Amino acid sequence: MFNKAKSPAPQPRSASNTPPIPPLPDLPAPGNAARQAAPAAAPTPSAAPSARGLSTLSSDLQFEGNVTGTGDLQIDGQIRGDVRVGRLIVGETGAIEGNVSADYIEVRGRIVGGVAGKQVKLISTAYVDGDITAEQLSIDIGAYFQGRCIQGRRDAPVAAPQPVQQPTFTAPAAPSPLPQASEPLAQMIDLRPAQVRA
């Protein structure tokens, strides 16, 4: 079932004479990582995963719920829920219905929801329907993207665009009019002393 390259030179056993425990097929053994041959059918992401290894959701799996963690994840199956990991690769058969957040995001499949990351790459087979917030964004020819593109930090809250208010101009206050005489000038009150009649 498993093909193994040439056997490495035998290593001295410990004093307890217990055989070493072989590593799981998808995890490298400590110290033996350089000697293990890479599987021929494993997909090769364009960015090298970290030393922690790459977790994979295979194409025949469907998952409902949120996925969170700090590791690396490749999605070839379907997820309905939010995904928040350290590094994310959505394979050509992968699909996510929910918001995605990671430091590095490479999309080859389908995402319907918001995408937030430091570095986001949409490969030519990508389909993204949602807003992208990224410090660095690259979109290959042939990739489908519908939504807003916001350049900035992913942890900064994105405010909804506010409508532009038109400035309102108020006319300066008009000077109060001078009081106008309500009577003709001829009929004004005479301020001369009155003549006294005896």
Protein backbone atom coordinates (compact mmCIF):
# COMPACT_ATOMS: atom_id res chain seq x y z
CA MET A 1 0.00 0.00 0.00
CA PHE A 2 2.84 2.41 0.81
CA ASN A 3 5.93 2.62 -1.32
CA LYS A 4 9.11 3.37 0.50
CA ALA A 5 12.37 4.52 -0.97
CA LYS A 6 15.63 2.83 -0.06
CA SER A 7 15.77 1.93 3.57
CA PRO A 8 17.98 4.25 5.58
CA ALA A 9 20.96 2.84 7.39
CA PRO A 10 19.90 1.05 10.58
CA GLN A 11 20.07 3.26 13.61
CA PRO A 12 21.25 2.00 16.97
CA ARG A 13 18.40 1.00 19.24
CA SER A 14 17.95 2.33 22.70
CA ALA A 15 18.86 0.30 25.72
CA SER A 16 15.25 -0.76 26.26
CA ASN A 17 15.19 -2.73 22.95
CA THR A 18 11.81 -1.23 21.96
CA PRO A 19 11.28 -0.69 18.24
CA PRO A 20 10.75 2.95 17.19
CA ILE A 21 7.17 4.00 16.49
CA PRO A 22 6.70 4.82 12.79
CA PRO A 23 5.20 8.23 12.01
CA LEU A 24 1.73 8.70 10.61
CA PRO A 25 1.69 8.86 6.79
CA ASP A 26 0.91 12.59 6.64
CA LEU A 27 3.21 13.75 9.46
CA PRO A 28 7.00 13.80 9.16
CA ALA A 29 8.90 12.00 11.88
CA PRO A 30 11.36 14.08 13.85
CA GLY A 31 14.78 13.75 12.23
CA ASN A 32 13.50 11.63 9.32
CA ALA A 33 11.87 14.43 7.32
CA ALA A 34 14.79 14.68 4.91
CA ARG A 35 14.78 10.93 4.21
CA GLN A 36 11.08 10.51 3.49
CA ALA A 37 9.99 10.66 -0.13
CA ALA A 38 7.11 13.01 -0.98
CA PRO A 39 3.97 11.23 -2.21
CA ALA A 40 3.56 11.55 -5.97
CA ALA A 41 -0.17 12.41 -5.88
CA ALA A 42 0.05 15.14 -3.23
CA PRO A 43 -0.97 18.58 -4.49
CA THR A 44 1.84 21.08 -4.45
CA PRO A 45 0.80 24.52 -3.20
CA SER A 46 2.59 27.48 -4.70
CA ALA A 47 3.66 28.73 -1.28
CA ALA A 48 5.52 26.29 0.92
CA PRO A 49 3.56 25.35 4.04
CA SER A 50 5.13 25.89 7.42
CA ALA A 51 6.97 23.20 9.36
CA ARG A 52 3.78 22.26 11.21
CA GLY A 53 2.42 20.47 8.16
CA LEU A 54 -0.62 21.02 6.00
CA SER A 55 -4.03 19.72 7.07
CA THR A 56 -6.30 18.77 4.19
CA LEU A 57 -10.06 18.48 3.86
CA SER A 58 -10.36 16.10 0.93
CA SER A 59 -12.71 16.55 -2.00
CA ASP A 60 -15.23 13.92 -0.86
CA LEU A 61 -15.86 15.59 2.53
CA GLN A 62 -18.45 18.20 3.47
CA PHE A 63 -18.21 20.15 6.71
CA GLU A 64 -20.81 22.39 8.36
CA GLY A 65 -19.57 24.72 11.07
CA ASN A 66 -16.76 27.15 11.78
CA VAL A 67 -13.10 26.16 11.46
CA THR A 68 -10.53 27.98 13.59
CA GLY A 69 -6.86 27.41 14.27
CA THR A 70 -3.38 28.75 13.69
CA GLY A 71 -2.11 26.04 11.36
CA ASP A 72 -2.15 25.53 7.59
CA LEU A 73 -5.25 24.18 5.86
CA GLN A 74 -6.00 23.06 2.33
CA ILE A 75 -9.66 22.69 1.44
CA ASP A 76 -10.56 20.44 -1.47
CA GLY A 77 -14.02 19.63 -0.08
CA GLN A 78 -16.91 21.86 0.95
CA ILE A 79 -17.31 23.98 4.08
CA ARG A 80 -20.41 25.88 5.18
CA GLY A 81 -19.19 28.20 7.89
CA ASP A 82 -16.46 30.67 8.68
CA VAL A 83 -12.79 29.68 8.33
CA ARG A 84 -10.06 31.38 10.40
CA VAL A 85 -6.59 29.80 10.14
CA GLY A 86 -2.95 30.80 9.73
CA ARG A 87 -2.59 29.90 6.04
CA LEU A 88 -5.34 28.71 3.70
CA ILE A 89 -5.34 27.11 0.27
CA VAL A 90 -8.69 26.50 -1.41
CA GLY A 91 -8.15 23.83 -4.06
CA GLU A 92 -9.88 23.70 -7.44
CA THR A 93 -12.58 21.41 -6.04
CA GLY A 94 -12.82 23.33 -2.76
CA ALA A 95 -15.80 25.52 -1.85
CA ILE A 96 -16.46 27.74 1.16
CA GLU A 97 -19.75 29.44 2.01
CA GLY A 98 -18.77 31.83 4.78
CA ASN A 99 -16.19 34.40 5.76
CA VAL A 100 -12.50 33.54 5.43
CA SER A 101 -9.62 35.02 7.43
CA ALA A 102 -5.94 34.01 7.28
CA ASP A 103 -2.49 35.55 6.92
CA TYR A 104 -2.00 33.91 3.49
CA ILE A 105 -4.93 32.88 1.28
CA GLU A 106 -4.62 31.19 -2.11
CA VAL A 107 -7.90 30.59 -3.91
CA ARG A 108 -8.18 28.09 -6.77
CA GLY A 109 -11.78 27.10 -6.00
CA ARG A 110 -14.92 28.91 -4.86
CA ILE A 111 -15.58 31.29 -1.95
CA VAL A 112 -18.93 32.97 -1.32
CA GLY A 113 -18.31 35.37 1.54
CA GLY A 114 -15.85 37.94 2.80
CA VAL A 115 -12.10 37.33 2.49
CA ALA A 116 -9.58 39.00 4.82
CA GLY A 117 -5.84 38.38 4.86
CA LYS A 118 -2.40 39.91 4.61
CA GLN A 119 -1.69 38.28 1.25
CA VAL A 120 -4.53 37.07 -1.00
CA LYS A 121 -4.00 35.35 -4.37
CA LEU A 122 -6.80 34.51 -6.79
CA ILE A 123 -5.56 31.91 -9.29
CA SER A 124 -7.16 31.75 -12.76
CA THR A 125 -9.69 29.08 -11.65
CA ALA A 126 -10.87 31.09 -8.62
CA TYR A 127 -14.45 32.24 -8.04
CA VAL A 128 -14.92 34.80 -5.23
CA ASP A 129 -18.24 36.49 -4.52
CA GLY A 130 -17.65 38.82 -1.57
CA ASP A 131 -15.52 41.67 -0.32
CA ILE A 132 -11.73 41.24 -0.09
CA THR A 133 -9.68 43.06 2.54
CA ALA A 134 -5.96 42.54 1.99
CA GLU A 135 -2.60 44.23 2.30
CA GLN A 136 -1.45 42.50 -0.92
CA LEU A 137 -3.84 41.19 -3.57
CA SER A 138 -3.09 39.45 -6.86
CA ILE A 139 -5.73 38.32 -9.34
CA ASP A 140 -4.78 36.11 -12.28
CA ILE A 141 -6.42 36.49 -15.67
CA GLY A 142 -9.54 34.33 -15.79
CA ALA A 143 -10.34 34.55 -12.08
CA TYR A 144 -13.88 35.69 -11.20
CA PHE A 145 -14.27 38.29 -8.47
CA GLN A 146 -17.37 40.24 -7.55
CA GLY A 147 -17.34 42.54 -4.56
CA ARG A 148 -15.39 45.38 -3.05
CA CYS A 149 -11.63 45.39 -2.74
CA ILE A 150 -10.30 47.15 0.35
CA GLN A 151 -6.58 47.59 0.88
CA GLY A 152 -5.68 47.65 4.53
CA ARG A 153 -5.15 45.59 7.62
CA ARG A 154 -7.52 42.69 8.10
CA ASP A 155 -8.01 43.27 11.83
CA ALA A 156 -9.07 46.88 11.27
CA PRO A 157 -12.86 47.07 11.27
CA VAL A 158 -14.28 48.02 7.93
CA ALA A 159 -16.96 50.67 8.22
CA ALA A 160 -19.80 50.82 5.78
CA PRO A 161 -19.41 53.64 3.30
CA GLN A 162 -21.19 56.76 4.48
CA PRO A 163 -23.21 58.79 1.98
CA VAL A 164 -21.53 62.01 1.03
CA GLN A 165 -23.32 64.91 2.59
CA GLN A 166 -23.74 67.96 0.43
CA PRO A 167 -22.54 71.10 2.17
CA THR A 168 -25.34 73.42 3.13
CA PHE A 169 -24.80 77.11 2.65
CA THR A 170 -26.64 79.57 4.82
CA ALA A 171 -27.04 83.12 3.67
CA PRO A 172 -25.51 85.69 5.99
CA ALA A 173 -28.00 87.28 8.26
CA ALA A 174 -29.54 90.30 6.57
CA PRO A 175 -29.09 93.53 8.46
CA SER A 176 -32.24 94.60 10.15
CA PRO A 177 -33.97 97.31 8.14
CA LEU A 178 -34.04 100.82 9.46
CA PRO A 179 -37.27 101.74 11.06
CA GLN A 180 -39.46 103.46 8.55
CA ALA A 181 -41.74 106.25 9.40
CA SER A 182 -45.28 105.16 9.33
CA GLU A 183 -46.50 108.70 8.86
CA PRO A 184 -45.54 111.19 6.20
CA LEU A 185 -42.83 113.65 7.20
CA ALA A 186 -45.26 116.54 7.29
CA GLN A 187 -47.21 114.94 10.00
CA MET A 188 -44.32 114.35 12.30
CA ILE A 189 -44.56 115.42 15.88
CA ASP A 190 -43.44 118.89 16.48
CA LEU A 191 -41.01 119.07 19.37
CA ARG A 192 -41.06 122.83 19.71
CA PRO A 193 -42.37 124.13 22.94
CA ALA A 194 -46.05 124.71 22.84
CA GLN A 195 -47.44 128.22 23.16
CA VAL A 196 -49.28 128.76 26.29
CA ARG A 197 -52.65 130.47 25.94
CA ALA A 198 -53.82 132.66 28.66
